Amino acid sequence: MTETDATSLLAECRRKIDQIDSQLRDLLNQRATIVDGVVRAKESLHIPILEPKREEEVIRRATGGNPGPLGDDAFRNIFAVIMREMRQIQQVYLDRQQEKRK
């Protein structure tokens, strides 16, 4: 591969990655929007924010049938961070509700 070919390939790969990153951002924001409904339902049902069985189910679904090249451990780590951030959104909502009641 020539230097010109490599430079062109790198630029194209980065362009594709940037597009995917934008899609991931949008999807994560959609997920976060849905969490608003989740936390309101959990509050009404008196269900705690942290539901280990549910989180394990999410991870199982994310890793099930994973063709790679990203391994199951990588997906476990990624989804652990996503769910931690979604729990934080839920906690902020509950804290605000508690403040309103005061």
PDB file of N, CA and C in Angstrom:
ATOM      1  N   MET A   1       0.857  -1.171   0.000  1.00  0.00           N
ATOM      2  CA  MET A   1       0.000   0.000   0.000  1.00  0.00           C
ATOM      3  C   MET A   1       0.901   1.232   0.000  1.00  0.00           C
ATOM      4  N   THR A   2       0.582   2.138  -0.880  1.00  0.00           N
ATOM      5  CA  THR A   2       1.366   3.367  -0.950  1.00  0.00           C
ATOM      6  C   THR A   2       0.953   4.311   0.179  1.00  0.00           C
ATOM      7  N   GLU A   3       1.768   5.296   0.414  1.00  0.00           N
ATOM      8  CA  GLU A   3       1.443   6.295   1.438  1.00  0.00           C
ATOM      9  C   GLU A   3       0.149   7.028   1.080  1.00  0.00           C
ATOM     10  N   THR A   4      -0.052   7.322  -0.176  1.00  0.00           N
ATOM     11  CA  THR A   4      -1.274   7.991  -0.629  1.00  0.00           C
ATOM     12  C   THR A   4      -2.488   7.100  -0.389  1.00  0.00           C
ATOM     13  N   ASP A   5      -2.355   5.808  -0.722  1.00  0.00           N
ATOM     14  CA  ASP A   5      -3.456   4.862  -0.493  1.00  0.00           C
ATOM     15  C   ASP A   5      -3.773   4.758   1.000  1.00  0.00           C
ATOM     16  N   ALA A   6      -2.731   4.684   1.812  1.00  0.00           N
ATOM     17  CA  ALA A   6      -2.922   4.565   3.255  1.00  0.00           C
ATOM     18  C   ALA A   6      -3.582   5.807   3.823  1.00  0.00           C
ATOM     19  N   THR A   7      -3.184   6.961   3.369  1.00  0.00           N
ATOM     20  CA  THR A   7      -3.771   8.227   3.824  1.00  0.00           C
ATOM     21  C   THR A   7      -5.242   8.298   3.437  1.00  0.00           C
ATOM     22  N   SER A   8      -5.532   7.882   2.214  1.00  0.00           N
ATOM     23  CA  SER A   8      -6.919   7.879   1.741  1.00  0.00           C
ATOM     24  C   SER A   8      -7.771   6.878   2.520  1.00  0.00           C
ATOM     25  N   LEU A   9      -7.230   5.687   2.751  1.00  0.00           N
ATOM     26  CA  LEU A   9      -7.945   4.667   3.510  1.00  0.00           C
ATOM     27  C   LEU A   9      -8.224   5.133   4.932  1.00  0.00           C
ATOM     28  N   LEU A  10      -7.217   5.728   5.557  1.00  0.00           N
ATOM     29  CA  LEU A  10      -7.385   6.231   6.921  1.00  0.00           C
ATOM     30  C   LEU A  10      -8.478   7.292   6.980  1.00  0.00           C
ATOM     31  N   ALA A  11      -8.483   8.201   6.030  1.00  0.00           N
ATOM     32  CA  ALA A  11      -9.494   9.262   6.001  1.00  0.00           C
ATOM     33  C   ALA A  11     -10.890   8.672   5.820  1.00  0.00           C
ATOM     34  N   GLU A  12     -11.027   7.678   4.947  1.00  0.00           N
ATOM     35  CA  GLU A  12     -12.324   7.040   4.709  1.00  0.00           C
ATOM     36  C   GLU A  12     -12.793   6.284   5.948  1.00  0.00           C
ATOM     37  N   CYS A  13     -11.908   5.556   6.582  1.00  0.00           N
ATOM     38  CA  CYS A  13     -12.268   4.822   7.804  1.00  0.00           C
ATOM     39  C   CYS A  13     -12.701   5.787   8.897  1.00  0.00           C
ATOM     40  N   ARG A  14     -11.992   6.864   9.047  1.00  0.00           N
ATOM     41  CA  ARG A  14     -12.353   7.850  10.072  1.00  0.00           C
ATOM     42  C   ARG A  14     -13.696   8.495   9.768  1.00  0.00           C
ATOM     43  N   ARG A  15     -13.986   8.747   8.497  1.00  0.00           N
ATOM     44  CA  ARG A  15     -15.279   9.321   8.113  1.00  0.00           C
ATOM     45  C   ARG A  15     -16.404   8.359   8.499  1.00  0.00           C
ATOM     46  N   LYS A  16     -16.211   7.073   8.218  1.00  0.00           N
ATOM     47  CA  LYS A  16     -17.215   6.067   8.563  1.00  0.00           C
ATOM     48  C   LYS A  16     -17.389   5.958  10.077  1.00  0.00           C
ATOM     49  N   ILE A  17     -16.288   5.982  10.804  1.00  0.00           N
ATOM     50  CA  ILE A  17     -16.356   5.920  12.267  1.00  0.00           C
ATOM     51  C   ILE A  17     -17.102   7.134  12.813  1.00  0.00           C
ATOM     52  N   ASP A  18     -16.836   8.307  12.253  1.00  0.00           N
ATOM     53  CA  ASP A  18     -17.535   9.516  12.705  1.00  0.00           C
ATOM     54  C   ASP A  18     -19.042   9.391  12.485  1.00  0.00           C
ATOM     55  N   GLN A  19     -19.449   8.820  11.362  1.00  0.00           N
ATOM     56  CA  GLN A  19     -20.877   8.614  11.092  1.00  0.00           C
ATOM     57  C   GLN A  19     -21.487   7.649  12.104  1.00  0.00           C
ATOM     58  N   ILE A  20     -20.793   6.560  12.365  1.00  0.00           N
ATOM     59  CA  ILE A  20     -21.287   5.575  13.332  1.00  0.00           C
ATOM     60  C   ILE A  20     -21.355   6.190  14.724  1.00  0.00           C
ATOM     61  N   ASP A  21     -20.340   6.968  15.087  1.00  0.00           N
ATOM     62  CA  ASP A  21     -20.355   7.622  16.402  1.00  0.00           C
ATOM     63  C   ASP A  21     -21.560   8.541  16.551  1.00  0.00           C
ATOM     64  N   SER A  22     -21.913   9.242  15.483  1.00  0.00           N
ATOM     65  CA  SER A  22     -23.107  10.102  15.529  1.00  0.00           C
ATOM     66  C   SER A  22     -24.364   9.264  15.713  1.00  0.00           C
ATOM     67  N   GLN A  23     -24.430   8.131  15.034  1.00  0.00           N
ATOM     68  CA  GLN A  23     -25.583   7.239  15.184  1.00  0.00           C
ATOM     69  C   GLN A  23     -25.651   6.683  16.599  1.00  0.00           C
ATOM     70  N   LEU A  24     -24.510   6.293  17.144  1.00  0.00           N
ATOM     71  CA  LEU A  24     -24.479   5.787  18.519  1.00  0.00           C
ATOM     72  C   LEU A  24     -24.946   6.849  19.504  1.00  0.00           C
ATOM     73  N   ARG A  25     -24.479   8.083  19.299  1.00  0.00           N
ATOM     74  CA  ARG A  25     -24.907   9.191  20.164  1.00  0.00           C
ATOM     75  C   ARG A  25     -26.414   9.357  20.123  1.00  0.00           C
ATOM     76  N   ASP A  26     -26.968   9.342  18.909  1.00  0.00           N
ATOM     77  CA  ASP A  26     -28.409   9.525  18.758  1.00  0.00           C
ATOM     78  C   ASP A  26     -29.180   8.372  19.406  1.00  0.00           C
ATOM     79  N   LEU A  27     -28.710   7.154  19.218  1.00  0.00           N
ATOM     80  CA  LEU A  27     -29.375   5.998  19.815  1.00  0.00           C
ATOM     81  C   LEU A  27     -29.296   6.023  21.341  1.00  0.00           C
ATOM     82  N   LEU A  28     -28.157   6.420  21.873  1.00  0.00           N
ATOM     83  CA  LEU A  28     -28.026   6.500  23.330  1.00  0.00           C
ATOM     84  C   LEU A  28     -28.932   7.588  23.902  1.00  0.00           C
ATOM     85  N   ASN A  29     -29.073   8.684  23.181  1.00  0.00           N
ATOM     86  CA  ASN A  29     -29.992   9.726  23.638  1.00  0.00           C
ATOM     87  C   ASN A  29     -31.440   9.259  23.557  1.00  0.00           C
ATOM     88  N   GLN A  30     -31.774   8.462  22.549  1.00  0.00           N
ATOM     89  CA  GLN A  30     -33.122   7.888  22.475  1.00  0.00           C
ATOM     90  C   GLN A  30     -33.357   6.965  23.667  1.00  0.00           C
ATOM     91  N   ARG A  31     -32.355   6.162  23.986  1.00  0.00           N
ATOM     92  CA  ARG A  31     -32.464   5.247  25.131  1.00  0.00           C
ATOM     93  C   ARG A  31     -32.667   6.042  26.416  1.00  0.00           C
ATOM     94  N   ALA A  32     -31.916   7.110  26.563  1.00  0.00           N
ATOM     95  CA  ALA A  32     -32.023   7.936  27.767  1.00  0.00           C
ATOM     96  C   ALA A  32     -33.403   8.573  27.882  1.00  0.00           C
ATOM     97  N   THR A  33     -33.996   8.950  26.765  1.00  0.00           N
ATOM     98  CA  THR A  33     -35.343   9.521  26.771  1.00  0.00           C
ATOM     99  C   THR A  33     -36.356   8.498  27.262  1.00  0.00           C
ATOM    100  N   ILE A  34     -36.197   7.259  26.845  1.00  0.00           N
ATOM    101  CA  ILE A  34     -37.105   6.192  27.265  1.00  0.00           C
ATOM    102  C   ILE A  34     -36.972   5.925  28.762  1.00  0.00           C
ATOM    103  N   VAL A  35     -35.792   6.130  29.303  1.00  0.00           N
ATOM    104  CA  VAL A  35     -35.550   5.897  30.729  1.00  0.00           C
ATOM    105  C   VAL A  35     -36.451   6.775  31.589  1.00  0.00           C
ATOM    106  N   ASP A  36     -36.869   7.908  31.076  1.00  0.00           N
ATOM    107  CA  ASP A  36     -37.803   8.757  31.826  1.00  0.00           C
ATOM    108  C   ASP A  36     -39.077   7.989  32.151  1.00  0.00           C
ATOM    109  N   GLY A  37     -39.596   7.274  31.183  1.00  0.00           N
ATOM    110  CA  GLY A  37     -40.786   6.454  31.427  1.00  0.00           C
ATOM    111  C   GLY A  37     -40.495   5.299  32.367  1.00  0.00           C
ATOM    112  N   VAL A  38     -39.324   4.713  32.235  1.00  0.00           N
ATOM    113  CA  VAL A  38     -38.928   3.598  33.106  1.00  0.00           C
ATOM    114  C   VAL A  38     -38.909   4.043  34.567  1.00  0.00           C
ATOM    115  N   VAL A  39     -38.289   5.171  34.829  1.00  0.00           N
ATOM    116  CA  VAL A  39     -38.168   5.605  36.226  1.00  0.00           C
ATOM    117  C   VAL A  39     -39.523   6.020  36.802  1.00  0.00           C
ATOM    118  N   ARG A  40     -40.379   6.621  35.980  1.00  0.00           N
ATOM    119  CA  ARG A  40     -41.709   6.974  36.481  1.00  0.00           C
ATOM    120  C   ARG A  40     -42.501   5.722  36.829  1.00  0.00           C
ATOM    121  N   ALA A  41     -42.391   4.693  35.986  1.00  0.00           N
ATOM    122  CA  ALA A  41     -43.080   3.429  36.269  1.00  0.00           C
ATOM    123  C   ALA A  41     -42.494   2.760  37.506  1.00  0.00           C
ATOM    124  N   LYS A  42     -41.172   2.744  37.605  1.00  0.00           N
ATOM    125  CA  LYS A  42     -40.530   2.138  38.776  1.00  0.00           C
ATOM    126  C   LYS A  42     -40.946   2.851  40.062  1.00  0.00           C
ATOM    127  N   GLU A  43     -41.046   4.161  39.995  1.00  0.00           N
ATOM    128  CA  GLU A  43     -41.445   4.929  41.176  1.00  0.00           C
ATOM    129  C   GLU A  43     -42.856   4.529  41.605  1.00  0.00           C
ATOM    130  N   SER A  44     -43.753   4.422  40.663  1.00  0.00           N
ATOM    131  CA  SER A  44     -45.130   4.045  40.977  1.00  0.00           C
ATOM    132  C   SER A  44     -45.239   2.622  41.499  1.00  0.00           C
ATOM    133  N   LEU A  45     -44.399   1.737  40.966  1.00  0.00           N
ATOM    134  CA  LEU A  45     -44.427   0.340  41.366  1.00  0.00           C
ATOM    135  C   LEU A  45     -43.533   0.029  42.566  1.00  0.00           C
ATOM    136  N   HIS A  46     -42.831   1.064  43.044  1.00  0.00           N
ATOM    137  CA  HIS A  46     -41.902   0.907  44.174  1.00  0.00           C
ATOM    138  C   HIS A  46     -40.818  -0.126  43.862  1.00  0.00           C
ATOM    139  N   ILE A  47     -40.283  -0.036  42.647  1.00  0.00           N
ATOM    140  CA  ILE A  47     -39.191  -0.899  42.207  1.00  0.00           C
ATOM    141  C   ILE A  47     -37.899  -0.087  42.315  1.00  0.00           C
ATOM    142  N   PRO A  48     -36.843  -0.680  42.839  1.00  0.00           N
ATOM    143  CA  PRO A  48     -35.582   0.069  42.951  1.00  0.00           C
ATOM    144  C   PRO A  48     -34.971   0.358  41.580  1.00  0.00           C
ATOM    145  N   ILE A  49     -34.139   1.364  41.549  1.00  0.00           N
ATOM    146  CA  ILE A  49     -33.451   1.720  40.311  1.00  0.00           C
ATOM    147  C   ILE A  49     -32.586   0.551  39.836  1.00  0.00           C
ATOM    148  N   LEU A  50     -31.801   0.010  40.724  1.00  0.00           N
ATOM    149  CA  LEU A  50     -30.903  -1.083  40.364  1.00  0.00           C
ATOM    150  C   LEU A  50     -31.658  -2.401  40.398  1.00  0.00           C
ATOM    151  N   GLU A  51     -31.736  -3.045  39.239  1.00  0.00           N
ATOM    152  CA  GLU A  51     -32.366  -4.353  39.108  1.00  0.00           C
ATOM    153  C   GLU A  51     -31.349  -5.304  38.462  1.00  0.00           C
ATOM    154  N   PRO A  52     -30.525  -5.969  39.282  1.00  0.00           N
ATOM    155  CA  PRO A  52     -29.456  -6.816  38.732  1.00  0.00           C
ATOM    156  C   PRO A  52     -29.942  -7.872  37.735  1.00  0.00           C
ATOM    157  N   LYS A  53     -31.091  -8.486  37.992  1.00  0.00           N
ATOM    158  CA  LYS A  53     -31.590  -9.507  37.057  1.00  0.00           C
ATOM    159  C   LYS A  53     -31.888  -8.889  35.693  1.00  0.00           C
ATOM    160  N   ARG A  54     -32.509  -7.725  35.698  1.00  0.00           N
ATOM    161  CA  ARG A  54     -32.827  -7.041  34.444  1.00  0.00           C
ATOM    162  C   ARG A  54     -31.542  -6.645  33.716  1.00  0.00           C
ATOM    163  N   GLU A  55     -30.570  -6.154  34.451  1.00  0.00           N
ATOM    164  CA  GLU A  55     -29.326  -5.746  33.813  1.00  0.00           C
ATOM    165  C   GLU A  55     -28.598  -6.945  33.213  1.00  0.00           C
ATOM    166  N   GLU A  56     -28.629  -8.064  33.898  1.00  0.00           N
ATOM    167  CA  GLU A  56     -28.010  -9.275  33.360  1.00  0.00           C
ATOM    168  C   GLU A  56     -28.742  -9.731  32.100  1.00  0.00           C
ATOM    169  N   GLU A  57     -30.048  -9.580  32.091  1.00  0.00           N
ATOM    170  CA  GLU A  57     -30.851  -9.919  30.911  1.00  0.00           C
ATOM    171  C   GLU A  57     -30.458  -9.044  29.722  1.00  0.00           C
ATOM    172  N   VAL A  58     -30.265  -7.762  29.971  1.00  0.00           N
ATOM    173  CA  VAL A  58     -29.856  -6.832  28.916  1.00  0.00           C
ATOM    174  C   VAL A  58     -28.496  -7.253  28.352  1.00  0.00           C
ATOM    175  N   ILE A  59     -27.592  -7.596  29.230  1.00  0.00           N
ATOM    176  CA  ILE A  59     -26.254  -8.007  28.787  1.00  0.00           C
ATOM    177  C   ILE A  59     -26.324  -9.328  28.020  1.00  0.00           C
ATOM    178  N   ARG A  60     -27.121 -10.260  28.512  1.00  0.00           N
ATOM    179  CA  ARG A  60     -27.276 -11.535  27.800  1.00  0.00           C
ATOM    180  C   ARG A  60     -27.805 -11.305  26.383  1.00  0.00           C
ATOM    181  N   ARG A  61     -28.784 -10.432  26.261  1.00  0.00           N
ATOM    182  CA  ARG A  61     -29.364 -10.138  24.949  1.00  0.00           C
ATOM    183  C   ARG A  61     -28.324  -9.459  24.045  1.00  0.00           C
ATOM    184  N   ALA A  62     -27.536  -8.571  24.614  1.00  0.00           N
ATOM    185  CA  ALA A  62     -26.525  -7.852  23.824  1.00  0.00           C
ATOM    186  C   ALA A  62     -25.407  -8.768  23.347  1.00  0.00           C
ATOM    187  N   THR A  63     -25.080  -9.771  24.151  1.00  0.00           N
ATOM    188  CA  THR A  63     -23.984 -10.667  23.779  1.00  0.00           C
ATOM    189  C   THR A  63     -24.463 -11.916  23.052  1.00  0.00           C
ATOM    190  N   GLY A  64     -25.749 -12.214  23.148  1.00  0.00           N
ATOM    191  CA  GLY A  64     -26.276 -13.405  22.489  1.00  0.00           C
ATOM    192  C   GLY A  64     -26.147 -13.313  20.975  1.00  0.00           C
ATOM    193  N   GLY A  65     -25.564 -14.326  20.384  1.00  0.00           N
ATOM    194  CA  GLY A  65     -25.397 -14.350  18.940  1.00  0.00           C
ATOM    195  C   GLY A  65     -24.386 -13.344  18.424  1.00  0.00           C
ATOM    196  N   ASN A  66     -23.551 -12.843  19.312  1.00  0.00           N
ATOM    197  CA  ASN A  66     -22.547 -11.863  18.916  1.00  0.00           C
ATOM    198  C   ASN A  66     -21.554 -12.481  17.928  1.00  0.00           C
ATOM    199  N   PRO A  67     -21.512 -11.961  16.691  1.00  0.00           N
ATOM    200  CA  PRO A  67     -20.614 -12.541  15.688  1.00  0.00           C
ATOM    201  C   PRO A  67     -19.178 -12.014  15.763  1.00  0.00           C
ATOM    202  N   GLY A  68     -18.948 -10.998  16.630  1.00  0.00           N
ATOM    203  CA  GLY A  68     -17.608 -10.412  16.692  1.00  0.00           C
ATOM    204  C   GLY A  68     -17.442  -9.386  15.594  1.00  0.00           C
ATOM    205  N   PRO A  69     -16.335  -8.755  15.493  1.00  0.00           N
ATOM    206  CA  PRO A  69     -15.081  -9.043  16.166  1.00  0.00           C
ATOM    207  C   PRO A  69     -15.016  -8.570  17.619  1.00  0.00           C
ATOM    208  N   LEU A  70     -15.937  -7.722  18.035  1.00  0.00           N
ATOM    209  CA  LEU A  70     -15.943  -7.279  19.430  1.00  0.00           C
ATOM    210  C   LEU A  70     -16.409  -8.441  20.288  1.00  0.00           C
ATOM    211  N   GLY A  71     -15.663  -8.764  21.318  1.00  0.00           N
ATOM    212  CA  GLY A  71     -15.983  -9.910  22.161  1.00  0.00           C
ATOM    213  C   GLY A  71     -17.077  -9.622  23.171  1.00  0.00           C
ATOM    214  N   ASP A  72     -17.596 -10.692  23.761  1.00  0.00           N
ATOM    215  CA  ASP A  72     -18.666 -10.575  24.750  1.00  0.00           C
ATOM    216  C   ASP A  72     -18.236  -9.754  25.961  1.00  0.00           C
ATOM    217  N   ASP A  73     -16.990  -9.896  26.392  1.00  0.00           N
ATOM    218  CA  ASP A  73     -16.512  -9.096  27.534  1.00  0.00           C
ATOM    219  C   ASP A  73     -16.537  -7.608  27.214  1.00  0.00           C
ATOM    220  N   ALA A  74     -16.206  -7.264  25.983  1.00  0.00           N
ATOM    221  CA  ALA A  74     -16.249  -5.856  25.580  1.00  0.00           C
ATOM    222  C   ALA A  74     -17.682  -5.335  25.661  1.00  0.00           C
ATOM    223  N   PHE A  75     -18.633  -6.145  25.170  1.00  0.00           N
ATOM    224  CA  PHE A  75     -20.033  -5.725  25.241  1.00  0.00           C
ATOM    225  C   PHE A  75     -20.515  -5.643  26.680  1.00  0.00           C
ATOM    226  N   ARG A  76     -20.066  -6.552  27.522  1.00  0.00           N
ATOM    227  CA  ARG A  76     -20.429  -6.478  28.945  1.00  0.00           C
ATOM    228  C   ARG A  76     -19.951  -5.147  29.525  1.00  0.00           C
ATOM    229  N   ASN A  77     -18.734  -4.770  29.225  1.00  0.00           N
ATOM    230  CA  ASN A  77     -18.175  -3.517  29.740  1.00  0.00           C
ATOM    231  C   ASN A  77     -18.919  -2.308  29.196  1.00  0.00           C
ATOM    232  N   ILE A  78     -19.200  -2.322  27.904  1.00  0.00           N
ATOM    233  CA  ILE A  78     -19.904  -1.201  27.285  1.00  0.00           C
ATOM    234  C   ILE A  78     -21.298  -1.050  27.878  1.00  0.00           C
ATOM    235  N   PHE A  79     -22.027  -2.157  27.983  1.00  0.00           N
ATOM    236  CA  PHE A  79     -23.387  -2.077  28.512  1.00  0.00           C
ATOM    237  C   PHE A  79     -23.400  -1.775  30.004  1.00  0.00           C
ATOM    238  N   ALA A  80     -22.378  -2.184  30.720  1.00  0.00           N
ATOM    239  CA  ALA A  80     -22.298  -1.823  32.141  1.00  0.00           C
ATOM    240  C   ALA A  80     -22.206  -0.307  32.293  1.00  0.00           C
ATOM    241  N   VAL A  81     -21.430   0.327  31.448  1.00  0.00           N
ATOM    242  CA  VAL A  81     -21.312   1.790  31.496  1.00  0.00           C
ATOM    243  C   VAL A  81     -22.623   2.447  31.073  1.00  0.00           C
ATOM    244  N   ILE A  82     -23.228   1.947  30.013  1.00  0.00           N
ATOM    245  CA  ILE A  82     -24.512   2.510  29.554  1.00  0.00           C
ATOM    246  C   ILE A  82     -25.550   2.418  30.666  1.00  0.00           C
ATOM    247  N   MET A  83     -25.657   1.256  31.281  1.00  0.00           N
ATOM    248  CA  MET A  83     -26.675   1.087  32.324  1.00  0.00           C
ATOM    249  C   MET A  83     -26.358   1.921  33.563  1.00  0.00           C
ATOM    250  N   ARG A  84     -25.077   2.080  33.871  1.00  0.00           N
ATOM    251  CA  ARG A  84     -24.716   2.948  34.996  1.00  0.00           C
ATOM    252  C   ARG A  84     -25.180   4.376  34.734  1.00  0.00           C
ATOM    253  N   GLU A  85     -24.972   4.853  33.520  1.00  0.00           N
ATOM    254  CA  GLU A  85     -25.405   6.206  33.170  1.00  0.00           C
ATOM    255  C   GLU A  85     -26.928   6.322  33.184  1.00  0.00           C
ATOM    256  N   MET A  86     -27.624   5.293  32.754  1.00  0.00           N
ATOM    257  CA  MET A  86     -29.088   5.317  32.772  1.00  0.00           C
ATOM    258  C   MET A  86     -29.614   5.291  34.213  1.00  0.00           C
ATOM    259  N   ARG A  87     -28.932   4.566  35.092  1.00  0.00           N
ATOM    260  CA  ARG A  87     -29.312   4.588  36.513  1.00  0.00           C
ATOM    261  C   ARG A  87     -29.105   5.983  37.092  1.00  0.00           C
ATOM    262  N   GLN A  88     -28.056   6.649  36.658  1.00  0.00           N
ATOM    263  CA  GLN A  88     -27.794   8.016  37.130  1.00  0.00           C
ATOM    264  C   GLN A  88     -28.927   8.955  36.709  1.00  0.00           C
ATOM    265  N   ILE A  89     -29.404   8.812  35.489  1.00  0.00           N
ATOM    266  CA  ILE A  89     -30.539   9.617  35.019  1.00  0.00           C
ATOM    267  C   ILE A  89     -31.752   9.359  35.905  1.00  0.00           C
ATOM    268  N   GLN A  90     -32.000   8.097  36.222  1.00  0.00           N
ATOM    269  CA  GLN A  90     -33.129   7.743  37.081  1.00  0.00           C
ATOM    270  C   GLN A  90     -32.970   8.367  38.462  1.00  0.00           C
ATOM    271  N   GLN A  91     -31.756   8.324  38.999  1.00  0.00           N
ATOM    272  CA  GLN A  91     -31.528   8.874  40.336  1.00  0.00           C
ATOM    273  C   GLN A  91     -31.751  10.382  40.359  1.00  0.00           C
ATOM    274  N   VAL A  92     -31.306  11.065  39.329  1.00  0.00           N
ATOM    275  CA  VAL A  92     -31.523  12.517  39.235  1.00  0.00           C
ATOM    276  C   VAL A  92     -33.018  12.810  39.222  1.00  0.00           C
ATOM    277  N   TYR A  93     -33.772  12.047  38.457  1.00  0.00           N
ATOM    278  CA  TYR A  93     -35.224  12.226  38.407  1.00  0.00           C
ATOM    279  C   TYR A  93     -35.828  12.041  39.802  1.00  0.00           C
ATOM    280  N   LEU A  94     -35.454  10.959  40.476  1.00  0.00           N
ATOM    281  CA  LEU A  94     -36.015  10.692  41.812  1.00  0.00           C
ATOM    282  C   LEU A  94     -35.615  11.766  42.810  1.00  0.00           C
ATOM    283  N   ASP A  95     -34.383  12.247  42.720  1.00  0.00           N
ATOM    284  CA  ASP A  95     -33.936  13.321  43.613  1.00  0.00           C
ATOM    285  C   ASP A  95     -34.759  14.587  43.388  1.00  0.00           C
ATOM    286  N   ARG A  96     -35.049  14.900  42.137  1.00  0.00           N
ATOM    287  CA  ARG A  96     -35.861  16.083  41.828  1.00  0.00           C
ATOM    288  C   ARG A  96     -37.284  15.911  42.353  1.00  0.00           C
ATOM    289  N   GLN A  97     -37.826  14.705  42.213  1.00  0.00           N
ATOM    290  CA  GLN A  97     -39.177  14.449  42.720  1.00  0.00           C
ATOM    291  C   GLN A  97     -39.205  14.623  44.231  1.00  0.00           C
ATOM    292  N   GLN A  98     -38.186  14.142  44.898  1.00  0.00           N
ATOM    293  CA  GLN A  98     -38.114  14.249  46.340  1.00  0.00           C
ATOM    294  C   GLN A  98     -38.019  15.714  46.773  1.00  0.00           C
ATOM    295  N   GLU A  99     -37.249  16.496  46.027  1.00  0.00           N
ATOM    296  CA  GLU A  99     -37.136  17.926  46.335  1.00  0.00           C
ATOM    297  C   GLU A  99     -38.485  18.638  46.167  1.00  0.00           C
ATOM    298  N   LYS A 100     -39.244  18.256  45.145  1.00  0.00           N
ATOM    299  CA  LYS A 100     -40.552  18.860  44.912  1.00  0.00           C
ATOM    300  C   LYS A 100     -41.510  18.585  46.081  1.00  0.00           C
ATOM    301  N   ARG A 101     -41.365  17.421  46.687  1.00  0.00           N
ATOM    302  CA  ARG A 101     -42.267  17.043  47.784  1.00  0.00           C
ATOM    303  C   ARG A 101     -41.953  17.789  49.066  1.00  0.00           C
ATOM    304  N   LYS A 102     -40.786  18.380  49.161  1.00  0.00           N
ATOM    305  CA  LYS A 102     -40.392  19.070  50.395  1.00  0.00           C
ATOM    306  C   LYS A 102     -41.071  20.417  50.528  1.00  0.00           C
TER     307      LYS A 102
END
